[in-house]
Amino acid sequence: MNIRDGNIFEAMRLVLPEHRALMAQIQRERMKRKRPVLTEERLEEIQYTLSEAILEGNAVRVTVFTPERDVVLMGHVSVSGRELRVCTAAGVHIVDVRDVVGVEMERS
């Protein structure tokens, strides 16, 4: 990493422990995943699939964004305000609708 990349400590011969910890923290922040920006069309598709699944009582596969990795939940859904409740075999998971990046109908 060069100084031009924002790492001011790289050029120093002596790095204090506090600075080493700060460098590691900065590197972890850079490595975090960013939330994808969904298009209007994709948002409408997700909304349509969710409404169809709720009306017909079908199971869905919900892909949820987290900073580490995407999480896939399969089960029946219901919506309450800005929360999506996914009833899976392992229990009920409550997800913020802003974290939903994909919804697909579960094939029987």
PDB file of N, CA and C in Angstrom:
ATOM      1  N   MET A   1       0.846  -1.178   0.000  1.00  0.00           N
ATOM      2  CA  MET A   1       0.000   0.000   0.000  1.00  0.00           C
ATOM      3  C   MET A   1       0.891   1.240   0.000  1.00  0.00           C
ATOM      4  N   ASN A   2       0.584   2.208  -0.786  1.00  0.00           N
ATOM      5  CA  ASN A   2       1.377   3.421  -0.894  1.00  0.00           C
ATOM      6  C   ASN A   2       0.741   4.554  -0.099  1.00  0.00           C
ATOM      7  N   ILE A   3       1.514   5.612   0.069  1.00  0.00           N
ATOM      8  CA  ILE A   3       0.995   6.782   0.779  1.00  0.00           C
ATOM      9  C   ILE A   3      -0.178   7.372   0.021  1.00  0.00           C
ATOM     10  N   ARG A   4      -0.139   7.328  -1.308  1.00  0.00           N
ATOM     11  CA  ARG A   4      -1.222   7.917  -2.095  1.00  0.00           C
ATOM     12  C   ARG A   4      -2.551   7.172  -1.901  1.00  0.00           C
ATOM     13  N   ASP A   5      -2.498   5.930  -1.372  1.00  0.00           N
ATOM     14  CA  ASP A   5      -3.715   5.169  -1.106  1.00  0.00           C
ATOM     15  C   ASP A   5      -4.358   5.561   0.220  1.00  0.00           C
ATOM     16  N   GLY A   6      -3.798   6.510   0.904  1.00  0.00           N
ATOM     17  CA  GLY A   6      -4.378   6.967   2.160  1.00  0.00           C
ATOM     18  C   GLY A   6      -3.728   6.351   3.382  1.00  0.00           C
ATOM     19  N   ASN A   7      -2.691   5.568   3.196  1.00  0.00           N
ATOM     20  CA  ASN A   7      -2.009   4.935   4.319  1.00  0.00           C
ATOM     21  C   ASN A   7      -0.778   5.756   4.663  1.00  0.00           C
ATOM     22  N   ILE A   8      -0.950   6.717   5.566  1.00  0.00           N
ATOM     23  CA  ILE A   8       0.139   7.629   5.909  1.00  0.00           C
ATOM     24  C   ILE A   8       1.231   6.945   6.733  1.00  0.00           C
ATOM     25  N   PHE A   9       0.934   5.773   7.302  1.00  0.00           N
ATOM     26  CA  PHE A   9       1.906   5.100   8.163  1.00  0.00           C
ATOM     27  C   PHE A   9       2.864   4.217   7.379  1.00  0.00           C
ATOM     28  N   GLU A  10       2.601   3.956   6.121  1.00  0.00           N
ATOM     29  CA  GLU A  10       3.399   3.036   5.326  1.00  0.00           C
ATOM     30  C   GLU A  10       4.849   3.493   5.205  1.00  0.00           C
ATOM     31  N   ALA A  11       5.080   4.784   5.103  1.00  0.00           N
ATOM     32  CA  ALA A  11       6.428   5.294   4.885  1.00  0.00           C
ATOM     33  C   ALA A  11       7.258   5.361   6.165  1.00  0.00           C
ATOM     34  N   MET A  12       6.658   5.172   7.312  1.00  0.00           N
ATOM     35  CA  MET A  12       7.379   5.274   8.577  1.00  0.00           C
ATOM     36  C   MET A  12       8.114   3.965   8.883  1.00  0.00           C
ATOM     37  N   ARG A  13       9.297   4.107   9.431  1.00  0.00           N
ATOM     38  CA  ARG A  13      10.076   2.915   9.802  1.00  0.00           C
ATOM     39  C   ARG A  13       9.586   2.359  11.141  1.00  0.00           C
ATOM     40  N   LEU A  14       9.139   3.223  12.021  1.00  0.00           N
ATOM     41  CA  LEU A  14       8.694   2.803  13.340  1.00  0.00           C
ATOM     42  C   LEU A  14       7.190   3.033  13.429  1.00  0.00           C
ATOM     43  N   VAL A  15       6.448   1.968  13.690  1.00  0.00           N
ATOM     44  CA  VAL A  15       5.001   2.082  13.789  1.00  0.00           C
ATOM     45  C   VAL A  15       4.603   1.739  15.227  1.00  0.00           C
ATOM     46  N   LEU A  16       3.943   2.673  15.873  1.00  0.00           N
ATOM     47  CA  LEU A  16       3.500   2.465  17.243  1.00  0.00           C
ATOM     48  C   LEU A  16       2.342   1.473  17.271  1.00  0.00           C
ATOM     49  N   PRO A  17       2.167   0.753  18.375  1.00  0.00           N
ATOM     50  CA  PRO A  17       1.066  -0.225  18.474  1.00  0.00           C
ATOM     51  C   PRO A  17      -0.307   0.402  18.228  1.00  0.00           C
ATOM     52  N   GLU A  18      -0.506   1.648  18.692  1.00  0.00           N
ATOM     53  CA  GLU A  18      -1.793   2.316  18.467  1.00  0.00           C
ATOM     54  C   GLU A  18      -2.034   2.527  16.979  1.00  0.00           C
ATOM     55  N   HIS A  19      -0.970   2.886  16.275  1.00  0.00           N
ATOM     56  CA  HIS A  19      -1.083   3.117  14.842  1.00  0.00           C
ATOM     57  C   HIS A  19      -1.297   1.809  14.088  1.00  0.00           C
ATOM     58  N   ARG A  20      -0.662   0.741  14.563  1.00  0.00           N
ATOM     59  CA  ARG A  20      -0.846  -0.561  13.936  1.00  0.00           C
ATOM     60  C   ARG A  20      -2.312  -0.990  14.065  1.00  0.00           C
ATOM     61  N   ALA A  21      -2.909  -0.766  15.238  1.00  0.00           N
ATOM     62  CA  ALA A  21      -4.321  -1.104  15.440  1.00  0.00           C
ATOM     63  C   ALA A  21      -5.213  -0.243  14.553  1.00  0.00           C
ATOM     64  N   LEU A  22      -4.873   1.031  14.417  1.00  0.00           N
ATOM     65  CA  LEU A  22      -5.634   1.929  13.555  1.00  0.00           C
ATOM     66  C   LEU A  22      -5.527   1.502  12.096  1.00  0.00           C
ATOM     67  N   MET A  23      -4.328   1.092  11.672  1.00  0.00           N
ATOM     68  CA  MET A  23      -4.150   0.613  10.308  1.00  0.00           C
ATOM     69  C   MET A  23      -5.007  -0.623  10.044  1.00  0.00           C
ATOM     70  N   ALA A  24      -5.064  -1.534  11.001  1.00  0.00           N
ATOM     71  CA  ALA A  24      -5.874  -2.742  10.844  1.00  0.00           C
ATOM     72  C   ALA A  24      -7.354  -2.394  10.778  1.00  0.00           C
ATOM     73  N   GLN A  25      -7.788  -1.430  11.591  1.00  0.00           N
ATOM     74  CA  GLN A  25      -9.189  -1.005  11.580  1.00  0.00           C
ATOM     75  C   GLN A  25      -9.556  -0.364  10.238  1.00  0.00           C
ATOM     76  N   ILE A  26      -8.686   0.474   9.727  1.00  0.00           N
ATOM     77  CA  ILE A  26      -8.932   1.115   8.429  1.00  0.00           C
ATOM     78  C   ILE A  26      -9.034   0.060   7.336  1.00  0.00           C
ATOM     79  N   GLN A  27      -8.151  -0.942   7.379  1.00  0.00           N
ATOM     80  CA  GLN A  27      -8.180  -2.009   6.382  1.00  0.00           C
ATOM     81  C   GLN A  27      -9.476  -2.808   6.468  1.00  0.00           C
ATOM     82  N   ARG A  28      -9.960  -3.093   7.686  1.00  0.00           N
ATOM     83  CA  ARG A  28     -11.236  -3.818   7.849  1.00  0.00           C
ATOM     84  C   ARG A  28     -12.395  -3.009   7.299  1.00  0.00           C
ATOM     85  N   GLU A  29     -12.387  -1.694   7.515  1.00  0.00           N
ATOM     86  CA  GLU A  29     -13.454  -0.835   6.993  1.00  0.00           C
ATOM     87  C   GLU A  29     -13.462  -0.844   5.464  1.00  0.00           C
ATOM     88  N   ARG A  30     -12.282  -0.854   4.868  1.00  0.00           N
ATOM     89  CA  ARG A  30     -12.204  -0.877   3.404  1.00  0.00           C
ATOM     90  C   ARG A  30     -12.708  -2.194   2.824  1.00  0.00           C
ATOM     91  N   MET A  31     -12.539  -3.273   3.577  1.00  0.00           N
ATOM     92  CA  MET A  31     -12.914  -4.601   3.092  1.00  0.00           C
ATOM     93  C   MET A  31     -14.413  -4.888   3.224  1.00  0.00           C
ATOM     94  N   LYS A  32     -15.149  -4.092   3.991  1.00  0.00           N
ATOM     95  CA  LYS A  32     -16.578  -4.330   4.172  1.00  0.00           C
ATOM     96  C   LYS A  32     -17.309  -4.189   2.851  1.00  0.00           C
ATOM     97  N   ARG A  33     -18.307  -5.030   2.684  1.00  0.00           N
ATOM     98  CA  ARG A  33     -19.125  -4.967   1.478  1.00  0.00           C
ATOM     99  C   ARG A  33     -20.074  -3.781   1.568  1.00  0.00           C
ATOM    100  N   LYS A  34     -20.351  -3.220   0.445  1.00  0.00           N
ATOM    101  CA  LYS A  34     -21.296  -2.107   0.374  1.00  0.00           C
ATOM    102  C   LYS A  34     -22.651  -2.644  -0.078  1.00  0.00           C
ATOM    103  N   ARG A  35     -23.717  -2.043   0.438  1.00  0.00           N
ATOM    104  CA  ARG A  35     -25.073  -2.440   0.078  1.00  0.00           C
ATOM    105  C   ARG A  35     -25.308  -2.146  -1.401  1.00  0.00           C
ATOM    106  N   PRO A  36     -25.822  -3.123  -2.153  1.00  0.00           N
ATOM    107  CA  PRO A  36     -26.076  -2.870  -3.573  1.00  0.00           C
ATOM    108  C   PRO A  36     -27.241  -1.894  -3.760  1.00  0.00           C
ATOM    109  N   VAL A  37     -27.168  -1.104  -4.805  1.00  0.00           N
ATOM    110  CA  VAL A  37     -28.240  -0.170  -5.132  1.00  0.00           C
ATOM    111  C   VAL A  37     -29.140  -0.865  -6.146  1.00  0.00           C
ATOM    112  N   LEU A  38     -30.393  -1.090  -5.771  1.00  0.00           N
ATOM    113  CA  LEU A  38     -31.329  -1.794  -6.635  1.00  0.00           C
ATOM    114  C   LEU A  38     -32.045  -0.815  -7.558  1.00  0.00           C
ATOM    115  N   THR A  39     -32.271  -1.240  -8.765  1.00  0.00           N
ATOM    116  CA  THR A  39     -32.989  -0.406  -9.727  1.00  0.00           C
ATOM    117  C   THR A  39     -34.473  -0.399  -9.381  1.00  0.00           C
ATOM    118  N   GLU A  40     -35.175   0.571  -9.925  1.00  0.00           N
ATOM    119  CA  GLU A  40     -36.617   0.672  -9.692  1.00  0.00           C
ATOM    120  C   GLU A  40     -37.321  -0.585 -10.196  1.00  0.00           C
ATOM    121  N   GLU A  41     -36.876  -1.092 -11.320  1.00  0.00           N
ATOM    122  CA  GLU A  41     -37.469  -2.303 -11.889  1.00  0.00           C
ATOM    123  C   GLU A  41     -37.275  -3.505 -10.964  1.00  0.00           C
ATOM    124  N   ARG A  42     -36.078  -3.631 -10.402  1.00  0.00           N
ATOM    125  CA  ARG A  42     -35.782  -4.742  -9.478  1.00  0.00           C
ATOM    126  C   ARG A  42     -36.623  -4.624  -8.214  1.00  0.00           C
ATOM    127  N   LEU A  43     -36.782  -3.412  -7.701  1.00  0.00           N
ATOM    128  CA  LEU A  43     -37.609  -3.205  -6.509  1.00  0.00           C
ATOM    129  C   LEU A  43     -39.065  -3.583  -6.776  1.00  0.00           C
ATOM    130  N   GLU A  44     -39.576  -3.233  -7.951  1.00  0.00           N
ATOM    131  CA  GLU A  44     -40.946  -3.590  -8.306  1.00  0.00           C
ATOM    132  C   GLU A  44     -41.101  -5.099  -8.435  1.00  0.00           C
ATOM    133  N   GLU A  45     -40.090  -5.755  -8.979  1.00  0.00           N
ATOM    134  CA  GLU A  45     -40.120  -7.211  -9.115  1.00  0.00           C
ATOM    135  C   GLU A  45     -40.163  -7.878  -7.736  1.00  0.00           C
ATOM    136  N   ILE A  46     -39.354  -7.380  -6.809  1.00  0.00           N
ATOM    137  CA  ILE A  46     -39.344  -7.920  -5.448  1.00  0.00           C
ATOM    138  C   ILE A  46     -40.705  -7.709  -4.797  1.00  0.00           C
ATOM    139  N   GLN A  47     -41.263  -6.510  -4.933  1.00  0.00           N
ATOM    140  CA  GLN A  47     -42.563  -6.200  -4.345  1.00  0.00           C
ATOM    141  C   GLN A  47     -43.653  -7.101  -4.925  1.00  0.00           C
ATOM    142  N   TYR A  48     -43.639  -7.301  -6.239  1.00  0.00           N
ATOM    143  CA  TYR A  48     -44.644  -8.139  -6.892  1.00  0.00           C
ATOM    144  C   TYR A  48     -44.539  -9.585  -6.405  1.00  0.00           C
ATOM    145  N   THR A  49     -43.325 -10.116  -6.333  1.00  0.00           N
ATOM    146  CA  THR A  49     -43.125 -11.493  -5.883  1.00  0.00           C
ATOM    147  C   THR A  49     -43.564 -11.668  -4.442  1.00  0.00           C
ATOM    148  N   LEU A  50     -43.239 -10.692  -3.591  1.00  0.00           N
ATOM    149  CA  LEU A  50     -43.660 -10.768  -2.187  1.00  0.00           C
ATOM    150  C   LEU A  50     -45.179 -10.725  -2.055  1.00  0.00           C
ATOM    151  N   SER A  51     -45.833  -9.813  -2.773  1.00  0.00           N
ATOM    152  CA  SER A  51     -47.287  -9.706  -2.664  1.00  0.00           C
ATOM    153  C   SER A  51     -47.966 -10.966  -3.183  1.00  0.00           C
ATOM    154  N   GLU A  52     -47.450 -11.532  -4.257  1.00  0.00           N
ATOM    155  CA  GLU A  52     -48.014 -12.770  -4.797  1.00  0.00           C
ATOM    156  C   GLU A  52     -47.835 -13.920  -3.802  1.00  0.00           C
ATOM    157  N   ALA A  53     -46.671 -14.009  -3.186  1.00  0.00           N
ATOM    158  CA  ALA A  53     -46.402 -15.075  -2.219  1.00  0.00           C
ATOM    159  C   ALA A  53     -47.291 -14.951  -0.987  1.00  0.00           C
ATOM    160  N   ILE A  54     -47.520 -13.724  -0.545  1.00  0.00           N
ATOM    161  CA  ILE A  54     -48.369 -13.516   0.639  1.00  0.00           C
ATOM    162  C   ILE A  54     -49.813 -13.867   0.317  1.00  0.00           C
ATOM    163  N   LEU A  55     -50.315 -13.431  -0.844  1.00  0.00           N
ATOM    164  CA  LEU A  55     -51.704 -13.704  -1.216  1.00  0.00           C
ATOM    165  C   LEU A  55     -51.968 -15.193  -1.423  1.00  0.00           C
ATOM    166  N   GLU A  56     -51.040 -15.876  -2.066  1.00  0.00           N
ATOM    167  CA  GLU A  56     -51.237 -17.291  -2.372  1.00  0.00           C
ATOM    168  C   GLU A  56     -50.696 -18.214  -1.291  1.00  0.00           C
ATOM    169  N   GLY A  57     -49.955 -17.680  -0.339  1.00  0.00           N
ATOM    170  CA  GLY A  57     -49.395 -18.496   0.736  1.00  0.00           C
ATOM    171  C   GLY A  57     -48.231 -19.372   0.295  1.00  0.00           C
ATOM    172  N   ASN A  58     -47.543 -18.969  -0.754  1.00  0.00           N
ATOM    173  CA  ASN A  58     -46.403 -19.741  -1.260  1.00  0.00           C
ATOM    174  C   ASN A  58     -45.136 -19.429  -0.479  1.00  0.00           C
ATOM    175  N   ALA A  59     -44.234 -20.397  -0.468  1.00  0.00           N
ATOM    176  CA  ALA A  59     -42.923 -20.194   0.150  1.00  0.00           C
ATOM    177  C   ALA A  59     -42.021 -19.448  -0.833  1.00  0.00           C
ATOM    178  N   VAL A  60     -41.110 -18.673  -0.308  1.00  0.00           N
ATOM    179  CA  VAL A  60     -40.178 -17.915  -1.138  1.00  0.00           C
ATOM    180  C   VAL A  60     -38.756 -18.107  -0.638  1.00  0.00           C
ATOM    181  N   ARG A  61     -37.814 -17.727  -1.499  1.00  0.00           N
ATOM    182  CA  ARG A  61     -36.396 -17.708  -1.147  1.00  0.00           C
ATOM    183  C   ARG A  61     -36.001 -16.234  -1.088  1.00  0.00           C
ATOM    184  N   VAL A  62     -35.670 -15.738   0.090  1.00  0.00           N
ATOM    185  CA  VAL A  62     -35.338 -14.328   0.307  1.00  0.00           C
ATOM    186  C   VAL A  62     -33.828 -14.205   0.488  1.00  0.00           C
ATOM    187  N   THR A  63     -33.196 -13.358  -0.328  1.00  0.00           N
ATOM    188  CA  THR A  63     -31.764 -13.085  -0.203  1.00  0.00           C
ATOM    189  C   THR A  63     -31.604 -11.774   0.555  1.00  0.00           C
ATOM    190  N   VAL A  64     -30.884 -11.826   1.679  1.00  0.00           N
ATOM    191  CA  VAL A  64     -30.727 -10.677   2.576  1.00  0.00           C
ATOM    192  C   VAL A  64     -29.266 -10.241   2.578  1.00  0.00           C
ATOM    193  N   PHE A  65     -29.037  -8.928   2.409  1.00  0.00           N
ATOM    194  CA  PHE A  65     -27.688  -8.364   2.439  1.00  0.00           C
ATOM    195  C   PHE A  65     -27.206  -8.242   3.879  1.00  0.00           C
ATOM    196  N   THR A  66     -25.979  -8.681   4.126  1.00  0.00           N
ATOM    197  CA  THR A  66     -25.279  -8.389   5.381  1.00  0.00           C
ATOM    198  C   THR A  66     -23.872  -7.943   4.985  1.00  0.00           C
ATOM    199  N   PRO A  67     -23.174  -7.194   5.823  1.00  0.00           N
ATOM    200  CA  PRO A  67     -21.838  -6.716   5.461  1.00  0.00           C
ATOM    201  C   PRO A  67     -20.837  -7.845   5.172  1.00  0.00           C
ATOM    202  N   GLU A  68     -21.029  -9.016   5.773  1.00  0.00           N
ATOM    203  CA  GLU A  68     -20.096 -10.119   5.568  1.00  0.00           C
ATOM    204  C   GLU A  68     -20.419 -10.907   4.304  1.00  0.00           C
ATOM    205  N   ARG A  69     -21.709 -11.277   4.121  1.00  0.00           N
ATOM    206  CA  ARG A  69     -22.124 -12.102   2.985  1.00  0.00           C
ATOM    207  C   ARG A  69     -23.638 -12.052   2.862  1.00  0.00           C
ATOM    208  N   ASP A  70     -24.159 -12.522   1.730  1.00  0.00           N
ATOM    209  CA  ASP A  70     -25.607 -12.595   1.559  1.00  0.00           C
ATOM    210  C   ASP A  70     -26.132 -13.831   2.282  1.00  0.00           C
ATOM    211  N   VAL A  71     -27.302 -13.689   2.906  1.00  0.00           N
ATOM    212  CA  VAL A  71     -27.940 -14.779   3.626  1.00  0.00           C
ATOM    213  C   VAL A  71     -29.220 -15.128   2.891  1.00  0.00           C
ATOM    214  N   VAL A  72     -29.450 -16.413   2.661  1.00  0.00           N
ATOM    215  CA  VAL A  72     -30.649 -16.862   1.964  1.00  0.00           C
ATOM    216  C   VAL A  72     -31.570 -17.544   2.968  1.00  0.00           C
ATOM    217  N   LEU A  73     -32.811 -17.057   3.046  1.00  0.00           N
ATOM    218  CA  LEU A  73     -33.829 -17.630   3.930  1.00  0.00           C
ATOM    219  C   LEU A  73     -34.950 -18.196   3.066  1.00  0.00           C
ATOM    220  N   MET A  74     -35.416 -19.394   3.403  1.00  0.00           N
ATOM    221  CA  MET A  74     -36.508 -20.002   2.648  1.00  0.00           C
ATOM    222  C   MET A  74     -37.677 -20.261   3.594  1.00  0.00           C
ATOM    223  N   GLY A  75     -38.861 -19.805   3.190  1.00  0.00           N
ATOM    224  CA  GLY A  75     -40.040 -20.027   3.997  1.00  0.00           C
ATOM    225  C   GLY A  75     -41.177 -19.121   3.577  1.00  0.00           C
ATOM    226  N   HIS A  76     -42.209 -19.090   4.414  1.00  0.00           N
ATOM    227  CA  HIS A  76     -43.368 -18.234   4.153  1.00  0.00           C
ATOM    228  C   HIS A  76     -43.107 -16.855   4.736  1.00  0.00           C
ATOM    229  N   VAL A  77     -43.657 -15.826   4.084  1.00  0.00           N
ATOM    230  CA  VAL A  77     -43.365 -14.458   4.493  1.00  0.00           C
ATOM    231  C   VAL A  77     -44.634 -13.701   4.865  1.00  0.00           C
ATOM    232  N   SER A  78     -44.440 -12.687   5.681  1.00  0.00           N
ATOM    233  CA  SER A  78     -45.474 -11.691   5.967  1.00  0.00           C
ATOM    234  C   SER A  78     -44.758 -10.366   6.175  1.00  0.00           C
ATOM    235  N   VAL A  79     -45.479  -9.285   5.918  1.00  0.00           N
ATOM    236  CA  VAL A  79     -44.878  -7.955   6.022  1.00  0.00           C
ATOM    237  C   VAL A  79     -45.594  -7.172   7.110  1.00  0.00           C
ATOM    238  N   SER A  80     -44.811  -6.501   7.938  1.00  0.00           N
ATOM    239  CA  SER A  80     -45.353  -5.650   8.995  1.00  0.00           C
ATOM    240  C   SER A  80     -44.541  -4.356   8.997  1.00  0.00           C
ATOM    241  N   GLY A  81     -45.087  -3.319   8.381  1.00  0.00           N
ATOM    242  CA  GLY A  81     -44.370  -2.040   8.295  1.00  0.00           C
ATOM    243  C   GLY A  81     -43.141  -2.195   7.432  1.00  0.00           C
ATOM    244  N   ARG A  82     -41.957  -1.927   8.003  1.00  0.00           N
ATOM    245  CA  ARG A  82     -40.700  -2.059   7.264  1.00  0.00           C
ATOM    246  C   ARG A  82     -39.981  -3.352   7.620  1.00  0.00           C
ATOM    247  N   GLU A  83     -40.724  -4.298   8.207  1.00  0.00           N
ATOM    248  CA  GLU A  83     -40.142  -5.578   8.590  1.00  0.00           C
ATOM    249  C   GLU A  83     -40.737  -6.694   7.746  1.00  0.00           C
ATOM    250  N   LEU A  84     -39.894  -7.613   7.367  1.00  0.00           N
ATOM    251  CA  LEU A  84     -40.311  -8.796   6.645  1.00  0.00           C
ATOM    252  C   LEU A  84     -40.080  -9.976   7.579  1.00  0.00           C
ATOM    253  N   ARG A  85     -41.131 -10.714   7.848  1.00  0.00           N
ATOM    254  CA  ARG A  85     -41.020 -11.887   8.726  1.00  0.00           C
ATOM    255  C   ARG A  85     -40.983 -13.128   7.847  1.00  0.00           C
ATOM    256  N   VAL A  86     -39.901 -13.883   7.978  1.00  0.00           N
ATOM    257  CA  VAL A  86     -39.736 -15.101   7.195  1.00  0.00           C
ATOM    258  C   VAL A  86     -39.819 -16.286   8.162  1.00  0.00           C
ATOM    259  N   CYS A  87     -40.854 -17.122   7.989  1.00  0.00           N
ATOM    260  CA  CYS A  87     -41.040 -18.307   8.833  1.00  0.00           C
ATOM    261  C   CYS A  87     -40.326 -19.481   8.173  1.00  0.00           C
ATOM    262  N   THR A  88     -39.192 -19.868   8.727  1.00  0.00           N
ATOM    263  CA  THR A  88     -38.412 -20.984   8.197  1.00  0.00           C
ATOM    264  C   THR A  88     -38.556 -22.182   9.125  1.00  0.00           C
ATOM    265  N   ALA A  89     -37.915 -23.279   8.761  1.00  0.00           N
ATOM    266  CA  ALA A  89     -37.933 -24.471   9.608  1.00  0.00           C
ATOM    267  C   ALA A  89     -37.198 -24.210  10.931  1.00  0.00           C
ATOM    268  N   ALA A  90     -36.251 -23.281  10.917  1.00  0.00           N
ATOM    269  CA  ALA A  90     -35.471 -22.964  12.115  1.00  0.00           C
ATOM    270  C   ALA A  90     -36.147 -21.919  13.002  1.00  0.00           C
ATOM    271  N   GLY A  91     -37.249 -21.333  12.541  1.00  0.00           N
ATOM    272  CA  GLY A  91     -37.940 -20.322  13.324  1.00  0.00           C
ATOM    273  C   GLY A  91     -38.271 -19.103  12.487  1.00  0.00           C
ATOM    274  N   VAL A  92     -38.691 -18.038  13.174  1.00  0.00           N
ATOM    275  CA  VAL A  92     -39.079 -16.803  12.494  1.00  0.00           C
ATOM    276  C   VAL A  92     -37.895 -15.846  12.486  1.00  0.00           C
ATOM    277  N   HIS A  93     -37.574 -15.348  11.299  1.00  0.00           N
ATOM    278  CA  HIS A  93     -36.499 -14.362  11.136  1.00  0.00           C
ATOM    279  C   HIS A  93     -37.135 -13.038  10.739  1.00  0.00           C
ATOM    280  N   ILE A  94     -36.757 -11.965  11.432  1.00  0.00           N
ATOM    281  CA  ILE A  94     -37.265 -10.632  11.122  1.00  0.00           C
ATOM    282  C   ILE A  94     -36.162  -9.876  10.388  1.00  0.00           C
ATOM    283  N   VAL A  95     -36.511  -9.390   9.187  1.00  0.00           N
ATOM    284  CA  VAL A  95     -35.539  -8.742   8.310  1.00  0.00           C
ATOM    285  C   VAL A  95     -36.050  -7.354   7.958  1.00  0.00           C
ATOM    286  N   ASP A  96     -35.171  -6.368   7.951  1.00  0.00           N
ATOM    287  CA  ASP A  96     -35.516  -5.029   7.474  1.00  0.00           C
ATOM    288  C   ASP A  96     -35.671  -5.105   5.959  1.00  0.00           C
ATOM    289  N   VAL A  97     -36.753  -4.562   5.418  1.00  0.00           N
ATOM    290  CA  VAL A  97     -37.004  -4.661   3.976  1.00  0.00           C
ATOM    291  C   VAL A  97     -35.910  -3.974   3.157  1.00  0.00           C
ATOM    292  N   ARG A  98     -35.189  -3.023   3.737  1.00  0.00           N
ATOM    293  CA  ARG A  98     -34.099  -2.368   3.007  1.00  0.00           C
ATOM    294  C   ARG A  98     -32.925  -3.298   2.777  1.00  0.00           C
ATOM    295  N   ASP A  99     -32.836  -4.393   3.567  1.00  0.00           N
ATOM    296  CA  ASP A  99     -31.750  -5.354   3.423  1.00  0.00           C
ATOM    297  C   ASP A  99     -32.063  -6.459   2.427  1.00  0.00           C
ATOM    298  N   VAL A 100     -33.294  -6.520   1.934  1.00  0.00           N
ATOM    299  CA  VAL A 100     -33.681  -7.556   0.977  1.00  0.00           C
ATOM    300  C   VAL A 100     -33.140  -7.179  -0.402  1.00  0.00           C
ATOM    301  N   VAL A 101     -32.358  -8.078  -0.995  1.00  0.00           N
ATOM    302  CA  VAL A 101     -31.797  -7.811  -2.326  1.00  0.00           C
ATOM    303  C   VAL A 101     -32.383  -8.736  -3.390  1.00  0.00           C
ATOM    304  N   GLY A 102     -33.157  -9.732  -2.967  1.00  0.00           N
ATOM    305  CA  GLY A 102     -33.758 -10.622  -3.946  1.00  0.00           C
ATOM    306  C   GLY A 102     -34.837 -11.486  -3.327  1.00  0.00           C
ATOM    307  N   VAL A 103     -35.872 -11.785  -4.113  1.00  0.00           N
ATOM    308  CA  VAL A 103     -36.951 -12.680  -3.685  1.00  0.00           C
ATOM    309  C   VAL A 103     -37.327 -13.545  -4.876  1.00  0.00           C
ATOM    310  N   GLU A 104     -37.384 -14.853  -4.648  1.00  0.00           N
ATOM    311  CA  GLU A 104     -37.790 -15.783  -5.696  1.00  0.00           C
ATOM    312  C   GLU A 104     -38.831 -16.725  -5.132  1.00  0.00           C
ATOM    313  N   MET A 105     -39.793 -17.113  -5.964  1.00  0.00           N
ATOM    314  CA  MET A 105     -40.777 -18.110  -5.559  1.00  0.00           C
ATOM    315  C   MET A 105     -40.077 -19.449  -5.389  1.00  0.00           C
ATOM    316  N   GLU A 106     -40.398 -20.159  -4.334  1.00  0.00           N
ATOM    317  CA  GLU A 106     -39.827 -21.475  -4.083  1.00  0.00           C
ATOM    318  C   GLU A 106     -40.579 -22.492  -4.928  1.00  0.00           C
ATOM    319  N   ARG A 107     -39.842 -23.279  -5.671  1.00  0.00           N
ATOM    320  CA  ARG A 107     -40.470 -24.286  -6.523  1.00  0.00           C
ATOM    321  C   ARG A 107     -40.764 -25.530  -5.718  1.00  0.00           C
ATOM    322  N   SER A 108     -41.972 -26.042  -5.853  1.00  0.00           N
ATOM    323  CA  SER A 108     -42.359 -27.220  -5.083  1.00  0.00           C
ATOM    324  C   SER A 108     -41.978 -28.496  -5.776  1.00  0.00           C
TER     325      SER A 108
END
